[in-house]
Amino acid sequence: MTDTKNAPAINSAIAVANWFIGKNREEPSGLTHLKLQKMLYFAQGWHLAYFNVPLFEDPIEAWKYGPVIRSVYRALNGRPKSEDLTDLIEGYVLHGADYTAWGIPVMTSRDDDTDEFMRFIWKSYSKMEAWKLVSISHAKNSPWDKVANSVANRLAATDNQWYGEYYDLVIPVELMRFYFKWLLERAS
């Protein structure tokens, strides 16, 4: 396999989400919006650890219930929280202050390793309940923990209230790469 360390991500998070939704059609796993968000987080983290490049280009943010990709959240917002996702979701493009649907993105594989990788992620996480994945993503010193809690602690120190769902707190790709590589080394 070629060194892809500096290669750009070639997918959107919605395209990767659609891969998981398509897989859920074949092998039902109770794929809810919450579970999908966490599976995207783990897919991005492990892809960074194994291949040194992001799987998708969208930033991951630290929200109240863990890592969230805003574009996927926006595309699924309004659906029932417990819905088992089987319908592919549309991508959106920002035009001024409005979002316009532009079709259903499909994941592009860089090589056979990507296909095998996605099957590995599905096998590893699809049978877990959403709240178990939330718990894992909230582990002490995880990327979500470091970002969400560092901001919450700074706000608490200044007597400010912490409102909302932790919007706009991007989890840096390098923090994810470091953490998931560390997990990989510990498992070896």
Protein backbone atom coordinates (compact mmCIF):
# COMPACT_ATOMS: atom_id res chain seq x y z
CA MET A 1 0.00 0.00 0.00
CA THR A 2 1.25 3.48 -0.77
CA ASP A 3 1.99 6.05 1.92
CA THR A 4 -1.15 8.18 2.19
CA LYS A 5 -0.06 10.34 5.13
CA ASN A 6 -0.51 13.61 3.26
CA ALA A 7 -3.33 12.51 0.98
CA PRO A 8 -6.60 14.39 1.47
CA ALA A 9 -9.79 12.71 2.63
CA ILE A 10 -11.89 11.73 -0.35
CA ASN A 11 -15.31 11.33 1.25
CA SER A 12 -17.85 13.42 3.05
CA ALA A 13 -19.16 12.19 6.39
CA ILE A 14 -22.59 11.81 4.77
CA ALA A 15 -21.12 9.46 2.15
CA VAL A 16 -19.58 7.32 4.92
CA ALA A 17 -22.86 7.51 6.88
CA ASN A 18 -24.65 6.21 3.79
CA TRP A 19 -22.24 3.26 3.69
CA PHE A 20 -23.23 2.40 7.27
CA ILE A 21 -26.93 2.88 6.49
CA GLY A 22 -26.63 0.63 3.45
CA LYS A 23 -24.89 -2.00 5.57
CA ASN A 24 -27.69 -1.67 8.15
CA ARG A 25 -30.16 -2.58 5.39
CA GLU A 26 -28.22 -5.82 4.77
CA GLU A 27 -27.48 -6.62 8.42
CA PRO A 28 -29.98 -4.83 10.69
CA SER A 29 -28.27 -3.52 13.83
CA GLY A 30 -30.57 -0.88 15.26
CA LEU A 31 -28.60 1.95 13.63
CA THR A 32 -30.02 5.11 15.19
CA HIS A 33 -28.82 8.66 14.64
CA LEU A 34 -26.88 8.57 17.93
CA LYS A 35 -25.26 5.23 17.09
CA LEU A 36 -24.38 6.42 13.58
CA GLN A 37 -22.62 9.50 14.96
CA LYS A 38 -20.47 7.36 17.24
CA MET A 39 -19.67 4.84 14.50
CA LEU A 40 -18.51 7.70 12.28
CA TYR A 41 -16.26 8.92 15.10
CA PHE A 42 -14.71 5.48 15.59
CA ALA A 43 -14.31 4.99 11.83
CA GLN A 44 -12.51 8.33 11.54
CA GLY A 45 -10.28 7.63 14.54
CA TRP A 46 -9.27 4.14 13.48
CA HIS A 47 -8.74 5.25 9.88
CA LEU A 48 -6.34 7.90 11.16
CA ALA A 49 -4.53 5.30 13.26
CA TYR A 50 -4.17 2.71 10.49
CA PHE A 51 -3.75 4.89 7.38
CA ASN A 52 -2.64 8.32 8.71
CA VAL A 53 -5.34 10.13 6.72
CA PRO A 54 -8.92 11.07 7.55
CA LEU A 55 -11.66 8.86 6.15
CA PHE A 56 -13.88 11.89 5.60
CA GLU A 57 -13.33 15.61 5.42
CA ASP A 58 -15.99 16.93 7.81
CA PRO A 59 -14.88 18.08 11.26
CA ILE A 60 -16.02 16.19 14.35
CA GLU A 61 -17.29 18.33 17.19
CA ALA A 62 -17.52 17.67 20.93
CA TRP A 63 -21.19 17.85 21.90
CA LYS A 64 -22.97 16.90 25.11
CA TYR A 65 -23.54 13.25 24.14
CA GLY A 66 -20.18 12.79 22.50
CA PRO A 67 -18.61 13.34 19.10
CA VAL A 68 -20.95 14.67 16.41
CA ILE A 69 -20.56 15.51 12.75
CA ARG A 70 -22.74 18.57 12.21
CA SER A 71 -23.52 17.82 8.53
CA VAL A 72 -24.90 14.38 9.44
CA TYR A 73 -26.76 15.84 12.42
CA ARG A 74 -28.37 18.45 10.17
CA ALA A 75 -29.32 15.84 7.55
CA LEU A 76 -31.02 13.63 10.17
CA ASN A 77 -32.43 16.34 12.44
CA GLY A 78 -36.18 16.02 12.74
CA ARG A 79 -36.27 12.25 12.37
CA PRO A 80 -37.34 10.21 15.39
CA LYS A 81 -34.35 9.63 17.71
CA SER A 82 -34.99 5.88 17.89
CA GLU A 83 -35.50 5.40 14.14
CA ASP A 84 -33.60 2.46 12.67
CA LEU A 85 -31.90 4.17 9.75
CA THR A 86 -32.44 2.44 6.42
CA ASP A 87 -33.00 5.41 4.08
CA LEU A 88 -29.88 6.99 2.64
CA ILE A 89 -29.40 10.66 3.47
CA GLU A 90 -28.85 13.60 1.16
CA GLY A 91 -25.84 15.84 1.14
CA TYR A 92 -26.24 19.59 1.48
CA VAL A 93 -24.42 22.62 0.15
CA LEU A 94 -24.49 25.99 1.87
CA HIS A 95 -25.83 28.78 -0.34
CA GLY A 96 -25.80 32.04 1.59
CA ALA A 97 -27.66 31.30 4.80
CA ASP A 98 -29.57 28.28 3.45
CA TYR A 99 -28.66 24.68 2.77
CA THR A 100 -29.63 23.10 -0.53
CA ALA A 101 -29.87 19.35 -1.04
CA TRP A 102 -27.49 18.12 -3.74
CA GLY A 103 -28.12 14.39 -3.91
CA ILE A 104 -27.15 11.23 -2.11
CA PRO A 105 -23.37 10.92 -1.73
CA VAL A 106 -21.83 7.47 -2.02
CA MET A 107 -18.56 6.52 -0.38
CA THR A 108 -15.50 6.26 -2.62
CA SER A 109 -12.81 3.77 -1.66
CA ARG A 110 -9.16 4.69 -2.00
CA ASP A 111 -8.28 0.99 -2.38
CA ASP A 112 -9.28 -2.51 -1.23
CA ASP A 113 -7.93 -1.71 2.24
CA THR A 114 -10.69 0.88 2.68
CA ASP A 115 -13.41 -1.65 1.90
CA GLU A 116 -11.90 -4.16 4.31
CA PHE A 117 -11.51 -1.41 6.91
CA MET A 118 -15.19 -0.41 6.70
CA ARG A 119 -16.29 -4.03 7.13
CA PHE A 120 -13.99 -4.25 10.18
CA ILE A 121 -15.56 -1.12 11.74
CA TRP A 122 -19.05 -2.44 11.07
CA LYS A 123 -18.24 -5.82 12.62
CA SER A 124 -16.57 -4.18 15.64
CA TYR A 125 -19.25 -1.63 16.53
CA SER A 126 -22.59 -2.39 14.85
CA LYS A 127 -23.83 -4.83 17.47
CA MET A 128 -23.16 -2.43 20.37
CA GLU A 129 -25.96 -0.30 21.76
CA ALA A 130 -25.76 3.44 21.11
CA TRP A 131 -25.27 4.29 24.79
CA LYS A 132 -22.36 1.84 25.04
CA LEU A 133 -20.72 3.68 22.14
CA VAL A 134 -21.40 7.00 23.89
CA SER A 135 -19.69 5.62 26.99
CA ILE A 136 -16.65 4.48 25.01
CA SER A 137 -16.38 7.81 23.21
CA HIS A 138 -16.50 9.61 26.59
CA ALA A 139 -13.56 7.62 28.02
CA LYS A 140 -11.16 9.57 30.20
CA ASN A 141 -8.49 11.27 28.06
CA SER A 142 -10.33 10.46 24.82
CA PRO A 143 -10.36 13.22 22.22
CA TRP A 144 -13.97 14.08 23.13
CA ASP A 145 -13.09 14.19 26.84
CA LYS A 146 -10.08 16.42 26.32
CA VAL A 147 -11.93 18.95 24.17
CA ALA A 148 -15.28 19.04 25.96
CA ASN A 149 -13.91 18.99 29.48
CA SER A 150 -11.10 21.49 28.89
CA VAL A 151 -13.64 24.06 27.70
CA ALA A 152 -16.14 23.18 30.45
CA ASN A 153 -13.41 23.53 33.09
CA ARG A 154 -12.31 26.92 31.74
CA LEU A 155 -15.90 28.16 31.79
CA ALA A 156 -16.46 26.82 35.31
CA ALA A 157 -13.33 28.61 36.51
CA THR A 158 -14.77 31.91 35.32
CA ASP A 159 -18.24 31.27 36.82
CA ASN A 160 -19.81 31.17 33.36
CA GLN A 161 -22.70 28.80 32.71
CA TRP A 162 -22.23 25.99 30.23
CA TYR A 163 -25.21 25.98 27.88
CA GLY A 164 -26.20 23.98 24.86
CA GLU A 165 -24.80 20.85 23.38
CA TYR A 166 -21.11 21.90 23.06
CA TYR A 167 -21.51 23.34 19.56
CA ASP A 168 -18.46 24.61 17.68
CA LEU A 169 -15.84 22.69 19.67
CA VAL A 170 -13.92 20.89 16.93
CA ILE A 171 -11.96 17.81 17.94
CA PRO A 172 -8.59 18.19 16.19
CA VAL A 173 -7.68 15.46 13.70
CA GLU A 174 -4.18 15.23 15.18
CA LEU A 175 -5.62 14.61 18.66
CA MET A 176 -7.73 11.78 17.24
CA ARG A 177 -4.77 10.34 15.33
CA PHE A 178 -2.58 10.37 18.45
CA TYR A 179 -5.27 8.81 20.67
CA PHE A 180 -6.28 6.01 18.30
CA LYS A 181 -2.63 5.19 17.51
CA TRP A 182 -2.06 5.00 21.26
CA LEU A 183 -5.00 2.57 21.57
CA LEU A 184 -3.59 0.53 18.70
CA GLU A 185 -0.15 0.32 20.34
CA ARG A 186 -1.72 -0.72 23.66
CA ALA A 187 -3.63 -3.52 21.93
CA SER A 188 -0.50 -4.89 20.23
